[in-house]
Amino acid sequence: MKILKYLTVVAAVVFFASCEKHTLSQEGEEWIDQNTTAELRIHYVEPLTSGAATRFDSLYINGKLNANSTNAFGVYNVLPNANKFYAAPVGNCEMKLWRKAESYTYNFTASKGKQEIFIYDVNEEPVVLNTSFPYYSTAATGNAATWGADSTAYVEFYNFLYEEYGTNKVPYNGTLQLQYQDPDTKEWHNVGEPVSFGQAGGRSKVKIVKSAGVNSGYRTISLRMLTSNNEVMKYTNSSGKEIEFTTTNTTYNGRVYMIYARGIRTSKSITAGLTVKAIH
């Protein structure tokens, strides 16, 4: 009987201990409070030649070192990476980037939720855009998405294309409309809305029907951009010829992509193009 009595006491202690409040955590860190925290993803889209001379060595957010030379921040790259965010308190946010002995400080308002921070010119304040739905968030509001993960990808288009970049820094004048071609019907379809420089066109569904009976669910699709005159955008290629811009991308169903126009439309050395980031 004594043994049974002691076992009952031990069981009761374990039961009440298991009812104590615990904060969920991952990898030893507490999860953030999404009602008071901004989540920031930082993109460098300035049209420069990639290399050590244009690479940032460190990144500070509100005085905290978030990246150093082990994950240096180069042209057309993203920090912390394409599917993660830095956390910062809601409100005024100071971001400082170091490149060798030079530093660049930016101040902007960090809002609740996820934001994309685009540095398009180191001497100008960055463009801050909200990350579009759907994205995973326990506190986010908005309509649930019907993913159609067996035949659909989501794409959002951003415009950071320059017309000139040198003594004169001239953003592309006009809007750009991203389109993709259905590989089966060969019809072209709009992705979101036409966008001016520094804007996003809204997340849009893209039909992806895999090209083979057994594969991981992907298709190579063609992409192009239309001007405000509804013509295929032309650019100067590396040979110095002006041609219509088209490219391809291997796109997986069930994924979310960010695609942005970048480079210089009239330059043969830093040519116009599209950068694709799979963010989910």
Protein backbone atom coordinates (compact mmCIF):
# COMPACT_ATOMS: atom_id res chain seq x y z
CA MET A 1 0.00 0.00 0.00
CA LYS A 2 2.86 2.40 0.78
CA ILE A 3 4.32 1.77 -2.66
CA LEU A 4 0.95 2.55 -4.30
CA LYS A 5 0.61 5.72 -2.18
CA TYR A 6 4.05 6.97 -3.25
CA LEU A 7 3.34 6.23 -6.90
CA THR A 8 0.10 8.24 -6.66
CA VAL A 9 1.95 11.24 -5.21
CA VAL A 10 4.62 11.10 -7.95
CA ALA A 11 1.97 10.90 -10.67
CA ALA A 12 0.17 13.92 -9.22
CA VAL A 13 3.39 15.98 -9.17
CA VAL A 14 4.13 15.07 -12.80
CA PHE A 15 0.55 15.95 -13.83
CA PHE A 16 0.60 19.42 -12.24
CA ALA A 17 4.11 20.12 -13.56
CA SER A 18 2.92 19.31 -17.07
CA CYS A 19 0.14 21.88 -16.69
CA GLU A 20 2.56 24.75 -16.11
CA LYS A 21 2.64 27.47 -18.77
CA HIS A 22 5.52 27.11 -21.22
CA THR A 23 6.61 29.41 -24.03
CA LEU A 24 7.05 27.62 -27.31
CA SER A 25 10.56 27.89 -28.65
CA GLN A 26 12.72 26.65 -31.48
CA GLU A 27 16.45 26.04 -31.46
CA GLY A 28 16.70 27.50 -27.95
CA GLU A 29 15.06 30.85 -28.80
CA GLU A 30 11.56 31.99 -27.89
CA TRP A 31 9.17 32.48 -30.77
CA ILE A 32 8.36 36.10 -31.54
CA ASP A 33 5.17 37.91 -30.59
CA GLN A 34 3.69 38.60 -34.03
CA ASN A 35 1.52 41.40 -32.66
CA THR A 36 4.48 43.56 -31.61
CA THR A 37 7.18 42.38 -33.99
CA ALA A 38 8.08 43.29 -37.56
CA GLU A 39 9.73 40.68 -39.77
CA LEU A 40 12.16 42.10 -42.33
CA ARG A 41 13.67 40.58 -45.47
CA ILE A 42 16.30 42.78 -47.12
CA HIS A 43 17.11 42.86 -50.84
CA TYR A 44 19.99 44.60 -52.59
CA VAL A 45 18.90 45.53 -56.14
CA GLU A 46 21.26 48.37 -57.07
CA PRO A 47 22.51 47.83 -60.67
CA LEU A 48 26.23 47.37 -60.04
CA THR A 49 28.84 44.83 -61.04
CA SER A 50 28.86 42.02 -58.52
CA GLY A 51 32.09 41.55 -56.57
CA ALA A 52 34.06 42.42 -53.45
CA ALA A 53 33.98 46.16 -54.23
CA THR A 54 30.17 46.31 -54.14
CA ARG A 55 29.54 43.74 -51.40
CA PHE A 56 28.43 44.78 -47.91
CA ASP A 57 30.47 43.29 -45.07
CA SER A 58 28.03 43.68 -42.20
CA LEU A 59 24.42 44.54 -41.42
CA TYR A 60 23.10 46.04 -38.18
CA ILE A 61 19.42 46.42 -37.28
CA ASN A 62 18.77 48.71 -34.31
CA GLY A 63 22.40 48.35 -33.28
CA LYS A 64 22.41 44.54 -33.37
CA LEU A 65 24.79 42.73 -35.72
CA ASN A 66 22.68 40.52 -37.98
CA ALA A 67 25.14 39.62 -40.75
CA ASN A 68 28.91 39.79 -41.17
CA SER A 69 31.53 38.81 -43.72
CA THR A 70 30.62 35.12 -43.43
CA ASN A 71 27.33 35.91 -45.18
CA ALA A 72 28.28 39.06 -47.10
CA PHE A 73 25.48 40.94 -48.84
CA GLY A 74 26.04 41.27 -52.59
CA VAL A 75 24.18 42.63 -55.61
CA TYR A 76 20.81 40.91 -56.24
CA ASN A 77 21.09 38.96 -53.00
CA VAL A 78 18.75 38.79 -50.01
CA LEU A 79 19.27 38.61 -46.24
CA PRO A 80 18.81 36.57 -44.11
CA ASN A 81 17.79 34.41 -47.11
CA ALA A 82 14.90 33.98 -49.51
CA ASN A 83 12.59 32.27 -47.01
CA LYS A 84 13.55 33.80 -43.66
CA PHE A 85 13.17 37.17 -41.94
CA TYR A 86 14.91 39.26 -39.31
CA ALA A 87 12.81 40.24 -36.29
CA ALA A 88 12.63 43.86 -35.09
CA PRO A 89 10.28 45.77 -32.77
CA VAL A 90 7.39 47.58 -34.45
CA GLY A 91 8.14 51.30 -34.91
CA ASN A 92 11.17 53.25 -36.07
CA CYS A 93 13.89 50.96 -37.36
CA GLU A 94 17.52 51.88 -37.98
CA MET A 95 19.42 49.74 -40.44
CA LYS A 96 23.16 50.24 -40.99
CA LEU A 97 25.25 48.59 -43.69
CA TRP A 98 29.04 48.61 -43.82
CA ARG A 99 31.09 48.29 -46.99
CA LYS A 100 34.77 48.32 -46.06
CA ALA A 101 35.27 51.66 -44.22
CA GLU A 102 32.01 53.21 -45.50
CA SER A 103 28.69 52.93 -43.72
CA TYR A 104 25.15 53.66 -44.86
CA THR A 105 22.36 54.29 -42.36
CA TYR A 106 18.65 54.09 -43.15
CA ASN A 107 15.59 54.79 -41.02
CA PHE A 108 12.12 53.53 -41.80
CA THR A 109 8.95 52.46 -40.03
CA ALA A 110 8.74 48.74 -39.34
CA SER A 111 5.13 47.54 -39.20
CA LYS A 112 3.53 44.45 -37.71
CA GLY A 113 3.87 41.50 -40.06
CA LYS A 114 6.31 40.76 -42.84
CA GLN A 115 8.00 43.39 -45.03
CA GLU A 116 10.34 43.41 -48.01
CA ILE A 117 13.10 46.06 -47.79
CA PHE A 118 14.65 46.98 -51.17
CA ILE A 119 17.92 48.91 -51.35
CA TYR A 120 17.95 50.26 -54.91
CA ASP A 121 20.46 53.09 -54.36
CA VAL A 122 22.76 53.25 -51.32
CA ASN A 123 22.29 57.02 -51.16
CA GLU A 124 18.48 56.83 -50.94
CA GLU A 125 16.10 55.50 -48.31
CA PRO A 126 14.98 51.94 -49.15
CA VAL A 127 11.59 50.97 -50.54
CA VAL A 128 9.50 49.16 -47.90
CA LEU A 129 6.68 46.92 -49.14
CA ASN A 130 4.41 44.55 -47.25
CA THR A 131 4.84 40.87 -48.03
CA SER A 132 1.72 39.67 -49.82
CA PHE A 133 -0.64 36.94 -48.64
CA PRO A 134 -0.70 34.03 -48.44
CA TYR A 135 2.16 33.52 -46.02
CA TYR A 136 2.30 31.54 -42.82
CA SER A 137 1.41 33.61 -39.77
CA THR A 138 -0.50 32.78 -36.62
CA ALA A 139 -1.58 36.40 -36.25
CA ALA A 140 -2.14 37.45 -39.87
CA THR A 141 -5.58 38.32 -41.15
CA GLY A 142 -6.83 37.70 -44.66
CA ASN A 143 -8.60 35.08 -46.69
CA ALA A 144 -7.18 31.60 -46.68
CA ALA A 145 -5.65 30.64 -50.01
CA THR A 146 -6.73 27.73 -52.11
CA TRP A 147 -3.28 26.60 -53.05
CA GLY A 148 -4.05 23.97 -55.67
CA ALA A 149 -0.58 22.71 -54.87
CA ASP A 150 -0.65 20.01 -57.57
CA SER A 151 -0.89 22.52 -60.43
CA THR A 152 -0.32 26.05 -59.12
CA ALA A 153 2.52 28.34 -58.12
CA TYR A 154 2.19 31.88 -56.76
CA VAL A 155 4.25 34.72 -58.24
CA GLU A 156 4.60 38.41 -57.40
CA PHE A 157 6.41 40.86 -59.68
CA TYR A 158 8.48 43.87 -58.53
CA ASN A 159 9.98 46.58 -60.74
CA PHE A 160 13.50 47.88 -60.00
CA LEU A 161 14.66 48.33 -63.59
CA TYR A 162 16.73 51.39 -64.46
CA GLU A 163 16.88 53.18 -67.80
CA GLU A 164 20.28 54.70 -66.97
CA TYR A 165 22.59 54.39 -63.98
CA GLY A 166 25.76 56.41 -63.75
CA THR A 167 26.15 60.18 -63.55
CA ASN A 168 22.40 60.23 -64.11
CA LYS A 169 20.34 57.69 -62.20
CA VAL A 170 17.13 57.30 -64.18
CA PRO A 171 14.55 54.63 -63.25
CA TYR A 172 12.70 52.99 -66.11
CA ASN A 173 9.98 55.41 -67.22
CA GLY A 174 6.61 53.70 -67.46
CA THR A 175 5.08 50.49 -66.19
CA LEU A 176 6.05 46.88 -66.75
CA GLN A 177 3.67 43.94 -66.93
CA LEU A 178 5.12 40.49 -66.24
CA GLN A 179 3.65 37.69 -68.35
CA TYR A 180 4.15 33.93 -68.46
CA GLN A 181 3.44 31.58 -71.35
CA ASP A 182 1.34 28.47 -70.85
CA PRO A 183 3.60 25.70 -72.18
CA ASP A 184 0.63 23.73 -73.51
CA THR A 185 -1.59 26.38 -75.12
CA LYS A 186 1.27 28.86 -75.86
CA GLU A 187 -0.98 31.68 -74.63
CA TRP A 188 0.54 34.54 -72.62
CA HIS A 189 -1.02 35.46 -69.26
CA ASN A 190 -0.54 38.48 -67.00
CA VAL A 191 1.05 38.05 -63.60
CA GLY A 192 -0.50 40.63 -61.30
CA GLU A 193 -0.86 44.27 -62.34
CA PRO A 194 1.47 46.58 -64.31
CA VAL A 195 3.94 48.25 -61.95
CA SER A 196 6.09 51.39 -61.95
CA PHE A 197 9.57 51.57 -60.47
CA GLY A 198 9.63 50.57 -56.80
CA GLN A 199 6.21 48.91 -56.84
CA ALA A 200 4.80 45.38 -56.61
CA GLY A 201 2.00 44.00 -58.78
CA GLY A 202 0.27 41.69 -56.31
CA ARG A 203 0.56 37.95 -55.93
CA SER A 204 -0.94 35.93 -58.77
CA LYS A 205 -1.54 32.26 -59.53
CA VAL A 206 0.54 30.66 -62.27
CA LYS A 207 -0.55 27.36 -63.77
CA ILE A 208 2.15 24.70 -63.45
CA VAL A 209 1.33 21.28 -64.88
CA LYS A 210 4.38 19.07 -64.61
CA SER A 211 6.00 18.06 -67.86
CA ALA A 212 6.47 14.35 -67.13
CA GLY A 213 4.44 11.62 -65.53
CA VAL A 214 6.94 11.11 -62.72
CA ASN A 215 8.81 14.16 -61.43
CA SER A 216 8.71 16.43 -58.40
CA GLY A 217 6.13 18.72 -60.00
CA TYR A 218 7.82 21.39 -62.08
CA ARG A 219 7.67 22.99 -65.51
CA THR A 220 9.94 25.33 -67.43
CA ILE A 221 7.94 28.40 -68.39
CA SER A 222 8.75 31.42 -70.54
CA LEU A 223 8.59 34.95 -69.10
CA ARG A 224 8.48 38.39 -70.69
CA MET A 225 7.60 41.98 -69.79
CA LEU A 226 5.22 44.30 -71.61
CA THR A 227 5.63 48.08 -71.67
CA SER A 228 2.81 50.55 -71.03
CA ASN A 229 2.28 50.51 -74.83
CA ASN A 230 1.53 46.78 -74.60
CA GLU A 231 4.72 45.91 -76.48
CA VAL A 232 7.37 43.41 -75.44
CA MET A 233 10.07 45.33 -73.61
CA LYS A 234 13.33 45.70 -75.50
CA TYR A 235 16.75 45.91 -73.90
CA THR A 236 20.43 46.08 -74.89
CA ASN A 237 22.07 42.67 -74.66
CA SER A 238 25.73 41.93 -73.89
CA SER A 239 26.56 42.24 -77.61
CA GLY A 240 25.17 45.76 -77.72
CA LYS A 241 22.08 44.82 -79.74
CA GLU A 242 18.56 45.90 -78.81
CA ILE A 243 16.28 42.89 -78.70
CA GLU A 244 13.01 41.80 -77.12
CA PHE A 245 13.40 40.49 -73.59
CA THR A 246 12.36 36.89 -72.89
CA THR A 247 13.70 34.31 -70.46
CA THR A 248 12.72 30.99 -68.88
CA ASN A 249 12.42 29.70 -65.35
CA THR A 250 11.94 26.20 -63.94
CA THR A 251 8.93 26.67 -61.69
CA TYR A 252 7.63 24.18 -59.10
CA ASN A 253 3.99 23.79 -58.19
CA GLY A 254 3.01 24.62 -54.64
CA ARG A 255 5.80 27.21 -54.33
CA VAL A 256 5.71 31.01 -53.93
CA TYR A 257 8.07 33.14 -56.01
CA MET A 258 9.25 36.72 -55.96
CA ILE A 259 10.40 37.98 -59.37
CA TYR A 260 11.89 41.42 -59.85
CA ALA A 261 13.08 43.35 -62.89
CA ARG A 262 16.58 44.73 -62.36
CA GLY A 263 19.65 46.00 -64.17
CA ILE A 264 19.90 48.78 -66.76
CA ARG A 265 17.75 48.56 -69.87
CA THR A 266 20.23 50.45 -72.08
CA SER A 267 23.47 48.89 -70.78
CA LYS A 268 25.36 45.99 -72.35
CA SER A 269 27.52 45.49 -69.24
CA ILE A 270 24.82 45.45 -66.53
CA THR A 271 21.99 44.16 -68.66
CA ALA A 272 18.29 44.12 -67.81
CA GLY A 273 16.97 40.86 -66.44
CA LEU A 274 14.69 39.09 -63.99
CA THR A 275 15.82 37.73 -60.63
CA VAL A 276 13.70 34.87 -59.27
CA LYS A 277 13.56 33.98 -55.56
CA ALA A 278 11.57 31.03 -54.21
CA ILE A 279 10.33 32.42 -50.88
CA HIS A 280 8.04 29.55 -49.79
